[in-house]
Amino acid sequence: MPGYYMATEKYDRTASWWDDFVEWRGLPQLVEVVSMENVPAFDDRELTPEDWSHVAPREEVGCVGLFCFRQLGPLVDCISRLSGDKPINLLWVCREPIEQPLPPASPPTFEFLGCDLIDDYTGISALTNCGGGFPAAFSDAE
């Protein structure tokens, strides 16, 4: 199954407004949010034309608010050059999988953490930004 690579800033208890988010969202058990919606690991305005040649068009990825790389190597180069020392999450993502996605087996390895529900137009995650959740699908306790 084709997929894409992206890097986001780590969003957990070390973030300055973590406690406010957890209280607003009503999920006291939450220890980290791993989402495509998280802040990118670096500013895409800093990408070179060479970097952009490895980025999938936003229409292909399916969301105007995200930028994803087709190959891991060029993304790792950008992370090294542009993200500084901030902690990041390296994500392998696929769009609308029909079955359980199988990430690439080559290093680094990726652990399946779950699915996100991202609005195509805004890039906002419904799972992290809809207070009250989706009780017909899963409870906030999950």
N, C-alpha and C. Protein backbone atom coordinates (compact mmCIF):
# COMPACT_ATOMS: atom_id res chain seq x y z
N MET A 1 0.85 -1.17 0.00
CA MET A 1 0.00 0.00 0.00
C MET A 1 0.90 1.24 0.00
N PRO A 2 0.66 2.15 -0.91
CA PRO A 2 1.50 3.36 -0.95
C PRO A 2 1.27 4.22 0.29
N GLY A 3 2.32 4.84 0.70
CA GLY A 3 2.22 5.72 1.85
C GLY A 3 3.15 6.90 1.70
N TYR A 4 3.09 7.75 2.67
CA TYR A 4 3.89 8.98 2.67
C TYR A 4 4.58 9.13 4.01
N TYR A 5 5.58 9.97 4.04
CA TYR A 5 6.33 10.25 5.26
C TYR A 5 6.15 11.71 5.65
N MET A 6 6.02 11.94 6.93
CA MET A 6 5.96 13.31 7.43
C MET A 6 6.55 13.35 8.83
N ALA A 7 6.93 14.53 9.25
CA ALA A 7 7.50 14.71 10.59
C ALA A 7 6.74 15.83 11.28
N THR A 8 6.37 15.56 12.53
CA THR A 8 5.65 16.55 13.32
C THR A 8 6.34 16.74 14.66
N GLU A 9 6.12 17.90 15.24
CA GLU A 9 6.65 18.11 16.58
C GLU A 9 5.93 17.17 17.54
N LYS A 10 6.67 16.66 18.48
CA LYS A 10 6.08 15.80 19.51
C LYS A 10 5.16 16.64 20.38
N TYR A 11 3.96 16.11 20.65
CA TYR A 11 2.99 16.83 21.46
C TYR A 11 2.59 15.96 22.64
N ASP A 12 3.17 16.26 23.78
CA ASP A 12 2.92 15.47 24.99
C ASP A 12 2.99 16.38 26.22
N ARG A 13 3.16 15.79 27.37
CA ARG A 13 3.15 16.55 28.64
C ARG A 13 4.21 17.63 28.72
N THR A 14 5.21 17.58 27.85
CA THR A 14 6.26 18.60 27.88
C THR A 14 5.83 19.88 27.17
N ALA A 15 4.73 19.85 26.41
CA ALA A 15 4.24 21.04 25.70
C ALA A 15 3.67 22.04 26.69
N SER A 16 3.86 23.31 26.40
CA SER A 16 3.45 24.36 27.33
C SER A 16 1.95 24.40 27.60
N TRP A 17 1.12 24.05 26.63
CA TRP A 17 -0.31 24.12 26.87
C TRP A 17 -0.98 22.76 26.88
N TRP A 18 -0.21 21.73 27.22
CA TRP A 18 -0.72 20.36 27.30
C TRP A 18 -1.87 20.23 28.31
N ASP A 19 -1.67 20.75 29.51
CA ASP A 19 -2.70 20.60 30.54
C ASP A 19 -4.02 21.24 30.12
N ASP A 20 -3.95 22.40 29.46
CA ASP A 20 -5.17 23.05 28.98
C ASP A 20 -5.87 22.19 27.93
N PHE A 21 -5.09 21.59 27.03
CA PHE A 21 -5.68 20.74 26.00
C PHE A 21 -6.36 19.52 26.62
N VAL A 22 -5.66 18.85 27.53
CA VAL A 22 -6.21 17.64 28.16
C VAL A 22 -7.51 17.97 28.92
N GLU A 23 -7.52 19.10 29.61
CA GLU A 23 -8.72 19.50 30.33
C GLU A 23 -9.85 19.82 29.36
N TRP A 24 -9.56 20.60 28.32
CA TRP A 24 -10.58 20.96 27.33
C TRP A 24 -11.14 19.71 26.65
N ARG A 25 -10.25 18.79 26.27
CA ARG A 25 -10.68 17.60 25.54
C ARG A 25 -11.32 16.57 26.47
N GLY A 26 -11.08 16.66 27.78
CA GLY A 26 -11.67 15.73 28.73
C GLY A 26 -11.06 14.35 28.68
N LEU A 27 -9.77 14.29 28.45
CA LEU A 27 -9.08 13.00 28.36
C LEU A 27 -7.90 12.96 29.33
N PRO A 28 -8.18 12.81 30.63
CA PRO A 28 -7.10 12.85 31.61
C PRO A 28 -6.08 11.72 31.44
N GLN A 29 -6.44 10.65 30.77
CA GLN A 29 -5.53 9.52 30.59
C GLN A 29 -4.54 9.74 29.44
N LEU A 30 -4.71 10.80 28.68
CA LEU A 30 -3.88 11.06 27.51
C LEU A 30 -2.45 11.39 27.92
N VAL A 31 -1.47 10.77 27.25
CA VAL A 31 -0.07 11.06 27.53
C VAL A 31 0.66 11.67 26.32
N GLU A 32 0.10 11.47 25.12
CA GLU A 32 0.68 12.06 23.91
C GLU A 32 -0.37 12.03 22.81
N VAL A 33 -0.30 13.02 21.93
CA VAL A 33 -1.13 13.02 20.72
C VAL A 33 -0.18 12.84 19.54
N VAL A 34 -0.39 11.77 18.79
CA VAL A 34 0.36 11.53 17.57
C VAL A 34 -0.64 11.68 16.44
N SER A 35 -0.53 12.80 15.74
CA SER A 35 -1.51 13.13 14.71
C SER A 35 -0.84 13.83 13.55
N MET A 36 -1.43 13.67 12.39
CA MET A 36 -0.97 14.41 11.22
C MET A 36 -1.20 15.90 11.41
N GLU A 37 -2.12 16.24 12.29
CA GLU A 37 -2.45 17.64 12.54
C GLU A 37 -1.39 18.36 13.37
N ASN A 38 -0.58 17.64 14.10
CA ASN A 38 0.43 18.29 14.93
C ASN A 38 1.29 19.22 14.10
N VAL A 39 1.91 20.18 14.75
CA VAL A 39 2.76 21.17 14.09
C VAL A 39 3.89 20.44 13.34
N PRO A 40 4.11 20.80 12.07
CA PRO A 40 5.22 20.18 11.33
C PRO A 40 6.55 20.39 12.05
N ALA A 41 7.47 19.48 11.84
CA ALA A 41 8.77 19.53 12.50
C ALA A 41 9.62 20.71 12.03
N PHE A 42 9.29 21.25 10.87
CA PHE A 42 10.02 22.40 10.33
C PHE A 42 9.08 23.19 9.44
N ASP A 43 9.47 24.41 9.16
CA ASP A 43 8.66 25.32 8.37
C ASP A 43 8.84 24.99 6.88
N ASP A 44 7.75 24.69 6.19
CA ASP A 44 7.87 24.31 4.78
C ASP A 44 8.38 25.47 3.90
N ARG A 45 8.33 26.68 4.41
CA ARG A 45 8.88 27.82 3.64
C ARG A 45 10.40 27.75 3.55
N GLU A 46 11.01 26.90 4.37
CA GLU A 46 12.46 26.75 4.36
C GLU A 46 12.94 25.67 3.39
N LEU A 47 12.00 24.96 2.76
CA LEU A 47 12.39 23.90 1.84
C LEU A 47 12.98 24.47 0.55
N THR A 48 13.97 23.78 0.04
CA THR A 48 14.60 24.17 -1.22
C THR A 48 13.80 23.59 -2.38
N PRO A 49 14.04 24.07 -3.60
CA PRO A 49 13.40 23.44 -4.77
C PRO A 49 13.69 21.94 -4.84
N GLU A 50 14.90 21.54 -4.49
CA GLU A 50 15.24 20.11 -4.47
C GLU A 50 14.37 19.37 -3.45
N ASP A 51 14.21 19.94 -2.26
CA ASP A 51 13.34 19.32 -1.24
C ASP A 51 11.92 19.16 -1.79
N TRP A 52 11.40 20.23 -2.40
CA TRP A 52 10.02 20.21 -2.91
C TRP A 52 9.83 19.15 -3.99
N SER A 53 10.90 18.78 -4.69
CA SER A 53 10.78 17.75 -5.74
C SER A 53 10.43 16.39 -5.14
N HIS A 54 10.61 16.22 -3.83
CA HIS A 54 10.30 14.95 -3.14
C HIS A 54 8.98 15.00 -2.39
N VAL A 55 8.32 16.14 -2.40
CA VAL A 55 7.06 16.31 -1.68
C VAL A 55 5.90 15.95 -2.61
N ALA A 56 4.99 15.14 -2.11
CA ALA A 56 3.81 14.77 -2.89
C ALA A 56 2.88 15.98 -3.00
N PRO A 57 2.29 16.20 -4.17
CA PRO A 57 1.34 17.31 -4.29
C PRO A 57 0.20 17.14 -3.28
N ARG A 58 -0.25 18.25 -2.75
CA ARG A 58 -1.29 18.19 -1.71
C ARG A 58 -2.56 17.52 -2.22
N GLU A 59 -2.86 17.65 -3.50
CA GLU A 59 -4.04 16.98 -4.06
C GLU A 59 -3.87 15.46 -3.98
N GLU A 60 -2.65 14.98 -4.13
CA GLU A 60 -2.37 13.54 -4.05
C GLU A 60 -2.51 13.04 -2.62
N VAL A 61 -2.01 13.81 -1.69
CA VAL A 61 -2.08 13.43 -0.28
C VAL A 61 -3.52 13.52 0.21
N GLY A 62 -4.26 14.46 -0.35
CA GLY A 62 -5.68 14.56 -0.01
C GLY A 62 -6.01 15.63 1.00
N CYS A 63 -5.07 16.50 1.29
CA CYS A 63 -5.35 17.53 2.29
C CYS A 63 -4.50 18.75 1.99
N VAL A 64 -5.14 19.90 1.93
CA VAL A 64 -4.40 21.11 1.60
C VAL A 64 -3.47 21.56 2.73
N GLY A 65 -3.72 21.16 3.96
CA GLY A 65 -2.94 21.65 5.08
C GLY A 65 -1.72 20.82 5.43
N LEU A 66 -1.45 19.76 4.68
CA LEU A 66 -0.35 18.86 5.03
C LEU A 66 0.66 18.78 3.90
N PHE A 67 1.91 18.52 4.26
CA PHE A 67 2.86 18.20 3.22
C PHE A 67 3.60 16.93 3.62
N CYS A 68 3.67 16.00 2.68
CA CYS A 68 4.24 14.68 2.91
C CYS A 68 5.28 14.38 1.84
N PHE A 69 6.28 13.65 2.24
CA PHE A 69 7.34 13.24 1.32
C PHE A 69 7.03 11.85 0.78
N ARG A 70 7.43 11.61 -0.45
CA ARG A 70 7.23 10.29 -1.05
C ARG A 70 8.29 9.29 -0.59
N GLN A 71 9.47 9.79 -0.27
CA GLN A 71 10.56 8.92 0.19
C GLN A 71 11.04 9.41 1.56
N LEU A 72 11.56 8.48 2.32
CA LEU A 72 12.02 8.80 3.67
C LEU A 72 13.33 9.60 3.68
N GLY A 73 14.28 9.23 2.84
CA GLY A 73 15.61 9.87 2.85
C GLY A 73 15.56 11.38 2.75
N PRO A 74 14.86 11.95 1.76
CA PRO A 74 14.81 13.40 1.67
C PRO A 74 14.16 14.06 2.89
N LEU A 75 13.17 13.40 3.49
CA LEU A 75 12.57 13.96 4.70
C LEU A 75 13.57 13.97 5.85
N VAL A 76 14.31 12.89 6.01
CA VAL A 76 15.32 12.82 7.07
C VAL A 76 16.36 13.92 6.88
N ASP A 77 16.76 14.18 5.63
CA ASP A 77 17.70 15.27 5.35
C ASP A 77 17.12 16.62 5.82
N CYS A 78 15.85 16.85 5.53
CA CYS A 78 15.21 18.11 5.95
C CYS A 78 15.12 18.21 7.46
N ILE A 79 14.79 17.10 8.11
CA ILE A 79 14.71 17.09 9.58
C ILE A 79 16.06 17.47 10.16
N SER A 80 17.12 16.86 9.64
CA SER A 80 18.47 17.14 10.15
C SER A 80 18.85 18.60 9.97
N ARG A 81 18.47 19.16 8.86
CA ARG A 81 18.86 20.52 8.52
C ARG A 81 17.97 21.58 9.16
N LEU A 82 16.66 21.27 9.35
CA LEU A 82 15.71 22.33 9.68
C LEU A 82 15.00 22.22 11.02
N SER A 83 15.00 21.07 11.66
CA SER A 83 14.15 20.94 12.85
C SER A 83 14.86 21.29 14.16
N GLY A 84 16.14 21.50 14.12
CA GLY A 84 16.84 21.85 15.36
C GLY A 84 16.84 20.68 16.33
N ASP A 85 16.75 21.02 17.62
CA ASP A 85 16.82 19.96 18.63
C ASP A 85 15.45 19.62 19.23
N LYS A 86 14.37 20.12 18.64
CA LYS A 86 13.05 19.82 19.20
C LYS A 86 12.69 18.35 18.94
N PRO A 87 12.01 17.72 19.90
CA PRO A 87 11.61 16.32 19.71
C PRO A 87 10.54 16.23 18.62
N ILE A 88 10.65 15.20 17.81
CA ILE A 88 9.71 15.03 16.70
C ILE A 88 9.15 13.61 16.67
N ASN A 89 8.07 13.44 15.93
CA ASN A 89 7.55 12.13 15.58
C ASN A 89 7.70 11.98 14.07
N LEU A 90 8.24 10.87 13.65
CA LEU A 90 8.37 10.53 12.25
C LEU A 90 7.20 9.62 11.92
N LEU A 91 6.34 10.05 10.99
CA LEU A 91 5.12 9.31 10.68
C LEU A 91 5.15 8.73 9.28
N TRP A 92 4.62 7.53 9.15
CA TRP A 92 4.29 6.95 7.85
C TRP A 92 2.78 6.97 7.79
N VAL A 93 2.23 7.58 6.76
CA VAL A 93 0.78 7.75 6.68
C VAL A 93 0.27 7.26 5.33
N CYS A 94 -0.95 6.77 5.34
CA CYS A 94 -1.61 6.40 4.09
C CYS A 94 -3.03 6.94 4.12
N ARG A 95 -3.57 7.14 2.95
CA ARG A 95 -4.88 7.76 2.84
C ARG A 95 -5.95 6.71 2.56
N GLU A 96 -7.00 6.77 3.35
CA GLU A 96 -8.18 5.93 3.18
C GLU A 96 -7.84 4.47 2.93
N PRO A 97 -7.12 3.82 3.85
CA PRO A 97 -6.78 2.41 3.64
C PRO A 97 -8.04 1.53 3.67
N ILE A 98 -8.05 0.52 2.86
CA ILE A 98 -9.16 -0.42 2.81
C ILE A 98 -8.97 -1.51 3.86
N GLU A 99 -7.73 -1.82 4.16
CA GLU A 99 -7.40 -2.82 5.17
C GLU A 99 -6.31 -2.26 6.06
N GLN A 100 -5.94 -3.04 7.09
CA GLN A 100 -4.89 -2.61 8.02
C GLN A 100 -3.64 -2.21 7.24
N PRO A 101 -3.19 -0.96 7.35
CA PRO A 101 -1.99 -0.54 6.63
C PRO A 101 -0.75 -1.26 7.14
N LEU A 102 0.13 -1.62 6.23
CA LEU A 102 1.40 -2.24 6.59
C LEU A 102 2.52 -1.28 6.22
N PRO A 103 3.12 -0.64 7.23
CA PRO A 103 4.20 0.30 6.93
C PRO A 103 5.42 -0.43 6.39
N PRO A 104 6.32 0.30 5.77
CA PRO A 104 7.53 -0.33 5.22
C PRO A 104 8.30 -1.06 6.31
N ALA A 105 8.92 -2.17 5.92
CA ALA A 105 9.65 -2.99 6.88
C ALA A 105 11.10 -2.53 7.05
N SER A 106 11.57 -1.67 6.16
CA SER A 106 12.97 -1.25 6.25
C SER A 106 13.14 -0.21 7.35
N PRO A 107 14.36 -0.13 7.90
CA PRO A 107 14.60 0.83 8.98
C PRO A 107 14.34 2.25 8.53
N PRO A 108 13.85 3.10 9.40
CA PRO A 108 13.41 2.74 10.74
C PRO A 108 12.08 1.99 10.68
N THR A 109 11.78 1.26 11.73
CA THR A 109 10.51 0.55 11.76
C THR A 109 9.44 1.48 12.31
N PHE A 110 8.23 1.25 11.88
CA PHE A 110 7.09 2.07 12.29
C PHE A 110 6.10 1.18 13.02
N GLU A 111 5.59 1.68 14.12
CA GLU A 111 4.59 0.96 14.91
C GLU A 111 3.22 1.53 14.56
N PHE A 112 2.25 0.65 14.30
CA PHE A 112 0.90 1.13 14.01
C PHE A 112 0.30 1.68 15.30
N LEU A 113 -0.06 2.96 15.28
CA LEU A 113 -0.64 3.60 16.46
C LEU A 113 -2.13 3.84 16.32
N GLY A 114 -2.64 3.79 15.12
CA GLY A 114 -4.06 4.00 14.93
C GLY A 114 -4.34 4.87 13.74
N CYS A 115 -5.58 5.27 13.63
CA CYS A 115 -6.02 6.08 12.50
C CYS A 115 -6.42 7.47 12.99
N ASP A 116 -6.32 8.41 12.11
CA ASP A 116 -6.74 9.77 12.40
C ASP A 116 -7.80 10.12 11.38
N LEU A 117 -8.64 11.03 11.72
CA LEU A 117 -9.71 11.48 10.83
C LEU A 117 -9.46 12.96 10.56
N ILE A 118 -8.87 13.25 9.39
CA ILE A 118 -8.43 14.60 9.05
C ILE A 118 -9.36 15.20 8.00
N ASP A 119 -9.79 16.42 8.24
CA ASP A 119 -10.61 17.14 7.27
C ASP A 119 -9.74 17.50 6.06
N ASP A 120 -10.22 17.16 4.86
CA ASP A 120 -9.45 17.41 3.65
C ASP A 120 -9.13 18.89 3.42
N TYR A 121 -10.03 19.75 3.81
CA TYR A 121 -9.85 21.17 3.51
C TYR A 121 -9.00 21.89 4.55
N THR A 122 -9.24 21.62 5.83
CA THR A 122 -8.55 22.36 6.89
C THR A 122 -7.33 21.65 7.45
N GLY A 123 -7.27 20.33 7.30
CA GLY A 123 -6.18 19.56 7.90
C GLY A 123 -6.35 19.36 9.39
N ILE A 124 -7.53 19.64 9.91
CA ILE A 124 -7.79 19.51 11.35
C ILE A 124 -8.28 18.10 11.67
N SER A 125 -7.77 17.56 12.76
CA SER A 125 -8.16 16.23 13.21
C SER A 125 -9.47 16.28 13.98
N ALA A 126 -10.45 15.52 13.52
CA ALA A 126 -11.72 15.44 14.24
C ALA A 126 -11.54 14.69 15.56
N LEU A 127 -10.58 13.78 15.62
CA LEU A 127 -10.39 12.99 16.83
C LEU A 127 -9.85 13.81 17.99
N THR A 128 -9.00 14.78 17.69
CA THR A 128 -8.41 15.57 18.77
C THR A 128 -9.10 16.90 18.99
N ASN A 129 -9.98 17.31 18.08
CA ASN A 129 -10.58 18.63 18.19
C ASN A 129 -12.10 18.65 18.28
N CYS A 130 -12.69 17.53 18.55
CA CYS A 130 -14.15 17.47 18.72
C CYS A 130 -14.43 17.00 20.14
N GLY A 131 -14.64 17.93 21.03
CA GLY A 131 -14.97 17.57 22.41
C GLY A 131 -16.17 16.64 22.44
N GLY A 132 -16.11 15.62 23.26
CA GLY A 132 -17.21 14.67 23.35
C GLY A 132 -17.01 13.45 22.49
N GLY A 133 -16.08 13.51 21.55
CA GLY A 133 -15.74 12.34 20.76
C GLY A 133 -16.84 11.84 19.85
N PHE A 134 -16.78 10.58 19.58
CA PHE A 134 -17.71 9.89 18.70
C PHE A 134 -18.25 8.68 19.44
N PRO A 135 -19.21 8.86 20.35
CA PRO A 135 -19.65 7.78 21.21
C PRO A 135 -20.19 6.55 20.46
N ALA A 136 -20.69 6.71 19.24
CA ALA A 136 -21.16 5.54 18.50
C ALA A 136 -20.00 4.69 17.98
N ALA A 137 -18.82 5.27 17.89
CA ALA A 137 -17.65 4.54 17.36
C ALA A 137 -16.68 4.13 18.46
N PHE A 138 -16.40 5.01 19.39
CA PHE A 138 -15.52 4.72 20.51
C PHE A 138 -15.77 5.76 21.60
N SER A 139 -15.44 5.37 22.81
CA SER A 139 -15.65 6.30 23.92
C SER A 139 -14.36 7.06 24.21
N ASP A 140 -14.49 8.18 24.90
CA ASP A 140 -13.29 8.93 25.28
C ASP A 140 -12.38 8.11 26.20
N ALA A 141 -12.92 7.13 26.89
CA ALA A 141 -12.11 6.29 27.76
C ALA A 141 -11.12 5.46 26.96
N GLU A 142 -11.44 5.23 25.67
CA GLU A 142 -10.52 4.47 24.82
C GLU A 142 -9.36 5.34 24.41
